[in-house]
Amino acid sequence: MIARSIKTKSVRATANHMELEDRIREAVGRECDYLGFADLAPARDAVRWQCGLDVDTYPRAVSIGIALIDDIVDLLPQREERWAATMYKTHSYEVINSRLDHLSSRVASEIQRSGHRALPIPAATRISDERICGPFSHKMAAHLAGLGWIGKSCLLVTPDRGPRVRWTSVLTNAPLRPIGKPMEQRCGKCTKCVDACPVSAFTGRNFIQSESREARFDAAKCEKYYDEMEAQGMVQVCGMCLYACPYGKNEG
């Protein structure tokens, strides 16, 4: 009788987990292009460094991605023209971030209704000017969810769309099962993103979980470049590392 009771509870728990996962998928519907569940344990130190949270509080993350519009991304080589830069900033940044924030709010509500904790992270908000970072790495969550790998540009690269995707995350203690596992990087010897950077902010090193971001990327160089654009009255847009990546790029 005890064994049967334990088995019954286990079956119910599994059913409840699947029901929550289905409700999350229903909540995002066709409004997102990528959805994954990540176990944050391998990134415990990185999470604590970036936002001070202990992953024991939120051991998992829901990763949500929306693909950028190719015709907008392909305007980046013309970004010094105000109309092109404005198009990119509006439709590849502001609008997409707003859509992502709405989706993460919906997902968080579904998780909370199920009796679990949920913390939706803004798609694009800085919490530290000194470290030049947001409250949580959406790219890391997407990587741990098996949606892509971290490229030499420090962007999340998907097999089909490359880095032409923006991301958000919902941290949770809900027992969601990871859909995939972290992908091995597929950049090989390619350095197109590194070469495209107008301020040489990338070192060209492949991503290694144990290494700091600074081993691959000098964020201060990027920051200075944007400040210079603002001082010159330009729209603050670059994205050349994203544009240059062969993955997801339409060569036709």
C-alpha atoms as a PDB file:
ATOM      1  CA  MET A   1       0.000   0.000   0.000  1.00  0.00           C
ATOM      2  CA  ILE A   2       2.810   2.433   0.862  1.00  0.00           C
ATOM      3  CA  ALA A   3       4.693   1.618  -2.338  1.00  0.00           C
ATOM      4  CA  ARG A   4       1.520   2.149  -4.385  1.00  0.00           C
ATOM      5  CA  SER A   5       0.872   5.466  -2.630  1.00  0.00           C
ATOM      6  CA  ILE A   6       4.399   6.705  -3.377  1.00  0.00           C
ATOM      7  CA  LYS A   7       4.075   5.620  -6.996  1.00  0.00           C
ATOM      8  CA  THR A   8       0.709   7.373  -7.319  1.00  0.00           C
ATOM      9  CA  LYS A   9       2.138  10.612  -5.937  1.00  0.00           C
ATOM     10  CA  SER A  10       5.065  10.365  -8.347  1.00  0.00           C
ATOM     11  CA  VAL A  11       2.720   9.902 -11.321  1.00  0.00           C
ATOM     12  CA  ARG A  12       0.632  12.875 -10.199  1.00  0.00           C
ATOM     13  CA  ALA A  13       3.715  15.027  -9.773  1.00  0.00           C
ATOM     14  CA  THR A  14       4.920  14.138 -13.265  1.00  0.00           C
ATOM     15  CA  ALA A  15       1.479  14.914 -14.678  1.00  0.00           C
ATOM     16  CA  ASN A  16       1.418  18.268 -12.892  1.00  0.00           C
ATOM     17  CA  HIS A  17       4.881  19.143 -14.251  1.00  0.00           C
ATOM     18  CA  MET A  18       3.780  18.277 -17.770  1.00  0.00           C
ATOM     19  CA  GLU A  19       0.589  20.282 -17.316  1.00  0.00           C
ATOM     20  CA  LEU A  20       2.591  23.352 -16.253  1.00  0.00           C
ATOM     21  CA  GLU A  21       4.983  22.960 -19.170  1.00  0.00           C
ATOM     22  CA  ASP A  22       2.023  22.774 -21.539  1.00  0.00           C
ATOM     23  CA  ARG A  23       0.454  25.874 -19.970  1.00  0.00           C
ATOM     24  CA  ILE A  24       3.728  27.761 -20.425  1.00  0.00           C
ATOM     25  CA  ARG A  25       3.834  26.755 -24.083  1.00  0.00           C
ATOM     26  CA  GLU A  26       0.227  27.868 -24.444  1.00  0.00           C
ATOM     27  CA  ALA A  27       1.005  31.199 -22.729  1.00  0.00           C
ATOM     28  CA  VAL A  28       3.704  32.082 -25.263  1.00  0.00           C
ATOM     29  CA  GLY A  29       1.930  30.456 -28.206  1.00  0.00           C
ATOM     30  CA  ARG A  30       3.146  31.605 -31.596  1.00  0.00           C
ATOM     31  CA  GLU A  31       4.445  34.864 -30.154  1.00  0.00           C
ATOM     32  CA  CYS A  32       7.917  33.457 -29.515  1.00  0.00           C
ATOM     33  CA  ASP A  33      10.289  31.496 -31.726  1.00  0.00           C
ATOM     34  CA  TYR A  34      12.314  29.728 -29.017  1.00  0.00           C
ATOM     35  CA  LEU A  35      11.294  28.248 -25.677  1.00  0.00           C
ATOM     36  CA  GLY A  36      13.448  26.186 -23.336  1.00  0.00           C
ATOM     37  CA  PHE A  37      13.828  25.145 -19.699  1.00  0.00           C
ATOM     38  CA  ALA A  38      17.252  25.362 -18.098  1.00  0.00           C
ATOM     39  CA  ASP A  39      18.884  23.908 -15.000  1.00  0.00           C
ATOM     40  CA  LEU A  40      20.960  26.788 -13.590  1.00  0.00           C
ATOM     41  CA  ALA A  41      23.175  24.670 -11.325  1.00  0.00           C
ATOM     42  CA  PRO A  42      26.168  24.685 -13.731  1.00  0.00           C
ATOM     43  CA  ALA A  43      26.097  28.499 -13.725  1.00  0.00           C
ATOM     44  CA  ARG A  44      25.761  28.994  -9.975  1.00  0.00           C
ATOM     45  CA  ASP A  45      28.849  31.234  -9.650  1.00  0.00           C
ATOM     46  CA  ALA A  46      27.975  33.331 -12.707  1.00  0.00           C
ATOM     47  CA  VAL A  47      24.441  33.950 -11.446  1.00  0.00           C
ATOM     48  CA  ARG A  48      25.715  34.980  -8.016  1.00  0.00           C
ATOM     49  CA  TRP A  49      28.340  37.308  -9.574  1.00  0.00           C
ATOM     50  CA  GLN A  50      25.862  39.036 -11.828  1.00  0.00           C
ATOM     51  CA  CYS A  51      22.851  39.554  -9.577  1.00  0.00           C
ATOM     52  CA  GLY A  52      23.665  38.106  -6.152  1.00  0.00           C
ATOM     53  CA  LEU A  53      20.948  35.464  -6.339  1.00  0.00           C
ATOM     54  CA  ASP A  54      21.538  31.955  -5.075  1.00  0.00           C
ATOM     55  CA  VAL A  55      20.356  29.381  -7.591  1.00  0.00           C
ATOM     56  CA  ASP A  56      18.941  27.359  -4.700  1.00  0.00           C
ATOM     57  CA  THR A  57      16.239  30.053  -4.612  1.00  0.00           C
ATOM     58  CA  TYR A  58      15.557  29.843  -8.345  1.00  0.00           C
ATOM     59  CA  PRO A  59      17.244  26.655  -9.596  1.00  0.00           C
ATOM     60  CA  ARG A  60      15.694  26.766 -13.065  1.00  0.00           C
ATOM     61  CA  ALA A  61      14.917  29.260 -15.799  1.00  0.00           C
ATOM     62  CA  VAL A  62      12.447  29.502 -18.640  1.00  0.00           C
ATOM     63  CA  SER A  63      14.238  30.873 -21.703  1.00  0.00           C
ATOM     64  CA  ILE A  64      12.193  32.753 -24.306  1.00  0.00           C
ATOM     65  CA  GLY A  65      13.515  33.999 -27.643  1.00  0.00           C
ATOM     66  CA  ILE A  66      12.136  36.058 -30.539  1.00  0.00           C
ATOM     67  CA  ALA A  67      13.907  36.053 -33.891  1.00  0.00           C
ATOM     68  CA  LEU A  68      14.814  39.433 -35.370  1.00  0.00           C
ATOM     69  CA  ILE A  69      13.529  40.509 -38.776  1.00  0.00           C
ATOM     70  CA  ASP A  70      16.250  39.802 -41.352  1.00  0.00           C
ATOM     71  CA  ASP A  71      15.499  42.840 -43.496  1.00  0.00           C
ATOM     72  CA  ILE A  72      15.994  45.047 -40.423  1.00  0.00           C
ATOM     73  CA  VAL A  73      19.243  43.347 -39.364  1.00  0.00           C
ATOM     74  CA  ASP A  74      20.541  43.649 -42.919  1.00  0.00           C
ATOM     75  CA  LEU A  75      20.371  47.451 -42.604  1.00  0.00           C
ATOM     76  CA  LEU A  76      23.235  47.439 -40.084  1.00  0.00           C
ATOM     77  CA  PRO A  77      26.010  48.163 -42.624  1.00  0.00           C
ATOM     78  CA  GLN A  78      24.109  51.433 -43.262  1.00  0.00           C
ATOM     79  CA  ARG A  79      23.759  52.248 -39.550  1.00  0.00           C
ATOM     80  CA  GLU A  80      25.550  55.601 -39.949  1.00  0.00           C
ATOM     81  CA  GLU A  81      22.477  56.761 -41.872  1.00  0.00           C
ATOM     82  CA  ARG A  82      19.949  57.877 -39.295  1.00  0.00           C
ATOM     83  CA  TRP A  83      16.944  56.223 -40.916  1.00  0.00           C
ATOM     84  CA  ALA A  84      18.625  52.790 -40.979  1.00  0.00           C
ATOM     85  CA  ALA A  85      19.866  53.053 -37.393  1.00  0.00           C
ATOM     86  CA  THR A  86      16.415  54.172 -36.222  1.00  0.00           C
ATOM     87  CA  MET A  87      14.749  51.240 -37.969  1.00  0.00           C
ATOM     88  CA  TYR A  88      17.110  48.802 -36.266  1.00  0.00           C
ATOM     89  CA  LYS A  89      16.875  50.372 -32.812  1.00  0.00           C
ATOM     90  CA  THR A  90      13.080  50.432 -32.998  1.00  0.00           C
ATOM     91  CA  HIS A  91      12.321  47.015 -34.456  1.00  0.00           C
ATOM     92  CA  SER A  92      15.279  44.908 -33.335  1.00  0.00           C
ATOM     93  CA  TYR A  93      15.536  46.359 -29.851  1.00  0.00           C
ATOM     94  CA  GLU A  94      12.697  48.433 -28.411  1.00  0.00           C
ATOM     95  CA  VAL A  95       9.735  46.577 -29.934  1.00  0.00           C
ATOM     96  CA  ILE A  96      11.210  43.100 -29.461  1.00  0.00           C
ATOM     97  CA  ASN A  97      12.176  43.842 -25.843  1.00  0.00           C
ATOM     98  CA  SER A  98       8.628  44.968 -25.113  1.00  0.00           C
ATOM     99  CA  ARG A  99       7.213  41.792 -26.652  1.00  0.00           C
ATOM    100  CA  LEU A 100       9.631  39.679 -24.610  1.00  0.00           C
ATOM    101  CA  ASP A 101       8.702  41.440 -21.370  1.00  0.00           C
ATOM    102  CA  HIS A 102       5.023  40.750 -21.994  1.00  0.00           C
ATOM    103  CA  LEU A 103       5.746  37.076 -22.611  1.00  0.00           C
ATOM    104  CA  SER A 104       7.891  36.685 -19.482  1.00  0.00           C
ATOM    105  CA  SER A 105       5.127  38.299 -17.412  1.00  0.00           C
ATOM    106  CA  ARG A 106       2.585  35.817 -18.782  1.00  0.00           C
ATOM    107  CA  VAL A 107       4.856  32.871 -18.089  1.00  0.00           C
ATOM    108  CA  ALA A 108       5.568  34.084 -14.542  1.00  0.00           C
ATOM    109  CA  SER A 109       1.845  34.345 -13.863  1.00  0.00           C
ATOM    110  CA  GLU A 110       1.260  30.774 -15.047  1.00  0.00           C
ATOM    111  CA  ILE A 111       4.060  29.502 -12.826  1.00  0.00           C
ATOM    112  CA  GLN A 112       2.747  31.408  -9.815  1.00  0.00           C
ATOM    113  CA  ARG A 113      -0.755  30.024 -10.364  1.00  0.00           C
ATOM    114  CA  SER A 114       0.765  26.561 -10.166  1.00  0.00           C
ATOM    115  CA  GLY A 115       2.021  27.330  -6.650  1.00  0.00           C
ATOM    116  CA  HIS A 116       5.670  27.961  -7.476  1.00  0.00           C
ATOM    117  CA  ARG A 117       7.900  31.023  -7.346  1.00  0.00           C
ATOM    118  CA  ALA A 118       8.636  33.040 -10.473  1.00  0.00           C
ATOM    119  CA  LEU A 119      10.860  36.030 -11.177  1.00  0.00           C
ATOM    120  CA  PRO A 120      10.535  37.555 -14.686  1.00  0.00           C
ATOM    121  CA  ILE A 121      13.765  39.299 -15.687  1.00  0.00           C
ATOM    122  CA  PRO A 122      13.525  42.403 -17.918  1.00  0.00           C
ATOM    123  CA  ALA A 123      14.748  41.746 -21.445  1.00  0.00           C
ATOM    124  CA  ALA A 124      17.089  44.742 -21.397  1.00  0.00           C
ATOM    125  CA  THR A 125      17.871  46.505 -18.126  1.00  0.00           C
ATOM    126  CA  ARG A 126      21.270  47.412 -16.725  1.00  0.00           C
ATOM    127  CA  ILE A 127      21.944  47.050 -13.005  1.00  0.00           C
ATOM    128  CA  SER A 128      25.645  47.901 -12.945  1.00  0.00           C
ATOM    129  CA  ASP A 129      27.428  50.626 -14.887  1.00  0.00           C
ATOM    130  CA  GLU A 130      30.724  49.452 -13.442  1.00  0.00           C
ATOM    131  CA  ARG A 131      30.369  45.875 -14.704  1.00  0.00           C
ATOM    132  CA  ILE A 132      28.176  46.903 -17.668  1.00  0.00           C
ATOM    133  CA  CYS A 133      25.681  44.107 -17.186  1.00  0.00           C
ATOM    134  CA  GLY A 134      22.023  43.348 -16.590  1.00  0.00           C
ATOM    135  CA  PRO A 135      20.507  41.462 -13.658  1.00  0.00           C
ATOM    136  CA  PHE A 136      20.819  38.053 -15.335  1.00  0.00           C
ATOM    137  CA  SER A 137      22.377  36.551 -18.472  1.00  0.00           C
ATOM    138  CA  HIS A 138      19.558  35.571 -20.829  1.00  0.00           C
ATOM    139  CA  LYS A 139      22.152  34.147 -23.223  1.00  0.00           C
ATOM    140  CA  MET A 140      23.459  31.817 -20.529  1.00  0.00           C
ATOM    141  CA  ALA A 141      19.952  30.549 -19.778  1.00  0.00           C
ATOM    142  CA  ALA A 142      19.298  29.912 -23.467  1.00  0.00           C
ATOM    143  CA  HIS A 143      22.620  28.084 -23.738  1.00  0.00           C
ATOM    144  CA  LEU A 144      21.856  25.889 -20.712  1.00  0.00           C
ATOM    145  CA  ALA A 145      18.414  25.181 -22.179  1.00  0.00           C
ATOM    146  CA  GLY A 146      20.079  23.760 -25.290  1.00  0.00           C
ATOM    147  CA  LEU A 147      18.882  26.476 -27.661  1.00  0.00           C
ATOM    148  CA  GLY A 148      22.346  27.434 -28.919  1.00  0.00           C
ATOM    149  CA  TRP A 149      25.959  28.061 -27.977  1.00  0.00           C
ATOM    150  CA  ILE A 150      27.899  31.126 -26.828  1.00  0.00           C
ATOM    151  CA  GLY A 151      29.891  32.461 -29.767  1.00  0.00           C
ATOM    152  CA  LYS A 152      33.141  34.437 -29.898  1.00  0.00           C
ATOM    153  CA  SER A 153      30.982  37.581 -29.902  1.00  0.00           C
ATOM    154  CA  CYS A 154      29.536  36.520 -26.516  1.00  0.00           C
ATOM    155  CA  LEU A 155      26.151  36.302 -28.260  1.00  0.00           C
ATOM    156  CA  LEU A 156      23.957  33.207 -28.146  1.00  0.00           C
ATOM    157  CA  VAL A 157      24.203  31.563 -31.568  1.00  0.00           C
ATOM    158  CA  THR A 158      21.331  29.309 -32.663  1.00  0.00           C
ATOM    159  CA  PRO A 159      21.886  26.677 -35.376  1.00  0.00           C
ATOM    160  CA  ASP A 160      19.158  28.101 -37.634  1.00  0.00           C
ATOM    161  CA  ARG A 161      18.969  31.837 -36.891  1.00  0.00           C
ATOM    162  CA  GLY A 162      22.496  32.426 -35.638  1.00  0.00           C
ATOM    163  CA  PRO A 163      22.653  35.336 -33.171  1.00  0.00           C
ATOM    164  CA  ARG A 164      19.656  37.081 -34.774  1.00  0.00           C
ATOM    165  CA  VAL A 165      17.496  36.450 -31.717  1.00  0.00           C
ATOM    166  CA  ARG A 166      16.708  38.461 -28.589  1.00  0.00           C
ATOM    167  CA  TRP A 167      16.067  36.712 -25.288  1.00  0.00           C
ATOM    168  CA  THR A 168      14.447  36.991 -21.902  1.00  0.00           C
ATOM    169  CA  SER A 169      14.178  34.673 -18.898  1.00  0.00           C
ATOM    170  CA  VAL A 170      11.898  33.764 -16.019  1.00  0.00           C
ATOM    171  CA  LEU A 171      13.645  32.348 -12.954  1.00  0.00           C
ATOM    172  CA  THR A 172      11.672  29.786 -10.985  1.00  0.00           C
ATOM    173  CA  ASN A 173      11.707  26.920  -8.512  1.00  0.00           C
ATOM    174  CA  ALA A 174       9.078  25.044 -10.521  1.00  0.00           C
ATOM    175  CA  PRO A 175      10.261  21.505 -11.361  1.00  0.00           C
ATOM    176  CA  LEU A 176      10.477  22.061 -15.110  1.00  0.00           C
ATOM    177  CA  ARG A 177      12.416  19.473 -17.066  1.00  0.00           C
ATOM    178  CA  PRO A 178      15.218  20.740 -19.334  1.00  0.00           C
ATOM    179  CA  ILE A 179      14.210  20.161 -22.953  1.00  0.00           C
ATOM    180  CA  GLY A 180      17.759  20.053 -24.297  1.00  0.00           C
ATOM    181  CA  LYS A 181      21.355  20.208 -23.141  1.00  0.00           C
ATOM    182  CA  PRO A 182      24.037  22.856 -23.754  1.00  0.00           C
ATOM    183  CA  MET A 183      25.372  22.749 -27.313  1.00  0.00           C
ATOM    184  CA  GLU A 184      29.032  22.540 -28.125  1.00  0.00           C
ATOM    185  CA  GLN A 185      30.233  25.662 -29.938  1.00  0.00           C
ATOM    186  CA  ARG A 186      30.311  25.362 -33.719  1.00  0.00           C
ATOM    187  CA  CYS A 187      32.270  28.495 -34.569  1.00  0.00           C
ATOM    188  CA  GLY A 188      35.445  26.593 -35.339  1.00  0.00           C
ATOM    189  CA  LYS A 189      38.121  28.901 -36.745  1.00  0.00           C
ATOM    190  CA  CYS A 190      35.637  31.518 -37.942  1.00  0.00           C
ATOM    191  CA  THR A 191      36.376  35.058 -36.691  1.00  0.00           C
ATOM    192  CA  LYS A 192      33.916  37.086 -38.789  1.00  0.00           C
ATOM    193  CA  CYS A 193      32.209  38.570 -35.718  1.00  0.00           C
ATOM    194  CA  VAL A 194      35.584  39.446 -34.195  1.00  0.00           C
ATOM    195  CA  ASP A 195      36.816  41.067 -37.411  1.00  0.00           C
ATOM    196  CA  ALA A 196      33.584  43.037 -37.872  1.00  0.00           C
ATOM    197  CA  CYS A 197      33.819  44.822 -34.522  1.00  0.00           C
ATOM    198  CA  PRO A 198      34.687  48.500 -35.183  1.00  0.00           C
ATOM    199  CA  VAL A 199      36.528  48.844 -31.845  1.00  0.00           C
ATOM    200  CA  SER A 200      38.167  45.367 -31.629  1.00  0.00           C
ATOM    201  CA  ALA A 201      36.290  44.533 -28.441  1.00  0.00           C
ATOM    202  CA  PHE A 202      36.591  40.737 -28.854  1.00  0.00           C
ATOM    203  CA  THR A 203      39.655  38.600 -28.225  1.00  0.00           C
ATOM    204  CA  GLY A 204      38.525  35.738 -30.476  1.00  0.00           C
ATOM    205  CA  ARG A 205      38.544  33.155 -27.684  1.00  0.00           C
ATOM    206  CA  ASN A 206      35.897  30.452 -27.605  1.00  0.00           C
ATOM    207  CA  PHE A 207      33.487  30.402 -24.677  1.00  0.00           C
ATOM    208  CA  ILE A 208      34.652  28.510 -21.600  1.00  0.00           C
ATOM    209  CA  GLN A 209      32.200  28.337 -18.692  1.00  0.00           C
ATOM    210  CA  SER A 210      34.888  28.847 -16.045  1.00  0.00           C
ATOM    211  CA  GLU A 211      36.377  31.956 -17.688  1.00  0.00           C
ATOM    212  CA  SER A 212      35.200  35.476 -17.021  1.00  0.00           C
ATOM    213  CA  ARG A 213      33.561  37.516 -19.773  1.00  0.00           C
ATOM    214  CA  GLU A 214      36.643  39.743 -19.843  1.00  0.00           C
ATOM    215  CA  ALA A 215      38.691  36.895 -21.330  1.00  0.00           C
ATOM    216  CA  ARG A 216      36.593  37.225 -24.476  1.00  0.00           C
ATOM    217  CA  PHE A 217      35.055  40.684 -24.484  1.00  0.00           C
ATOM    218  CA  ASP A 218      36.026  44.205 -23.405  1.00  0.00           C
ATOM    219  CA  ALA A 219      32.612  45.707 -22.656  1.00  0.00           C
ATOM    220  CA  ALA A 220      34.171  49.096 -21.861  1.00  0.00           C
ATOM    221  CA  LYS A 221      35.285  49.465 -25.495  1.00  0.00           C
ATOM    222  CA  CYS A 222      31.711  48.914 -26.626  1.00  0.00           C
ATOM    223  CA  GLU A 223      30.460  51.397 -24.041  1.00  0.00           C
ATOM    224  CA  LYS A 224      32.928  54.074 -25.171  1.00  0.00           C
ATOM    225  CA  TYR A 225      31.951  53.547 -28.818  1.00  0.00           C
ATOM    226  CA  TYR A 226      28.256  54.086 -27.997  1.00  0.00           C
ATOM    227  CA  ASP A 227      29.094  57.185 -25.945  1.00  0.00           C
ATOM    228  CA  GLU A 228      31.029  58.611 -28.887  1.00  0.00           C
ATOM    229  CA  MET A 229      28.084  58.002 -31.199  1.00  0.00           C
ATOM    230  CA  GLU A 230      25.775  59.802 -28.789  1.00  0.00           C
ATOM    231  CA  ALA A 231      28.205  62.738 -28.518  1.00  0.00           C
ATOM    232  CA  GLN A 232      28.139  63.036 -32.317  1.00  0.00           C
ATOM    233  CA  GLY A 233      24.347  63.096 -32.392  1.00  0.00           C
ATOM    234  CA  MET A 234      24.114  59.621 -33.941  1.00  0.00           C
ATOM    235  CA  VAL A 235      21.613  56.892 -33.084  1.00  0.00           C
ATOM    236  CA  GLN A 236      23.434  54.446 -30.780  1.00  0.00           C
ATOM    237  CA  VAL A 237      23.400  51.314 -32.896  1.00  0.00           C
ATOM    238  CA  CYS A 238      26.125  48.861 -33.846  1.00  0.00           C
ATOM    239  CA  GLY A 239      25.340  45.124 -33.989  1.00  0.00           C
ATOM    240  CA  MET A 240      27.996  44.369 -36.596  1.00  0.00           C
ATOM    241  CA  CYS A 241      29.076  41.208 -34.755  1.00  0.00           C
ATOM    242  CA  LEU A 242      25.476  39.987 -35.020  1.00  0.00           C
ATOM    243  CA  TYR A 243      25.211  40.935 -38.686  1.00  0.00           C
ATOM    244  CA  ALA A 244      28.517  39.306 -39.665  1.00  0.00           C
ATOM    245  CA  CYS A 245      27.835  35.829 -38.240  1.00  0.00           C
ATOM    246  CA  PRO A 246      27.435  33.244 -41.031  1.00  0.00           C
ATOM    247  CA  TYR A 247      24.811  31.379 -39.005  1.00  0.00           C
ATOM    248  CA  GLY A 248      21.381  32.712 -39.880  1.00  0.00           C
ATOM    249  CA  LYS A 249      22.727  35.098 -42.497  1.00  0.00           C
ATOM    250  CA  ASN A 250      20.922  35.182 -45.835  1.00  0.00           C
ATOM    251  CA  GLU A 251      23.692  35.144 -48.419  1.00  0.00           C
ATOM    252  CA  GLY A 252      21.205  35.236 -51.268  1.00  0.00           C
END
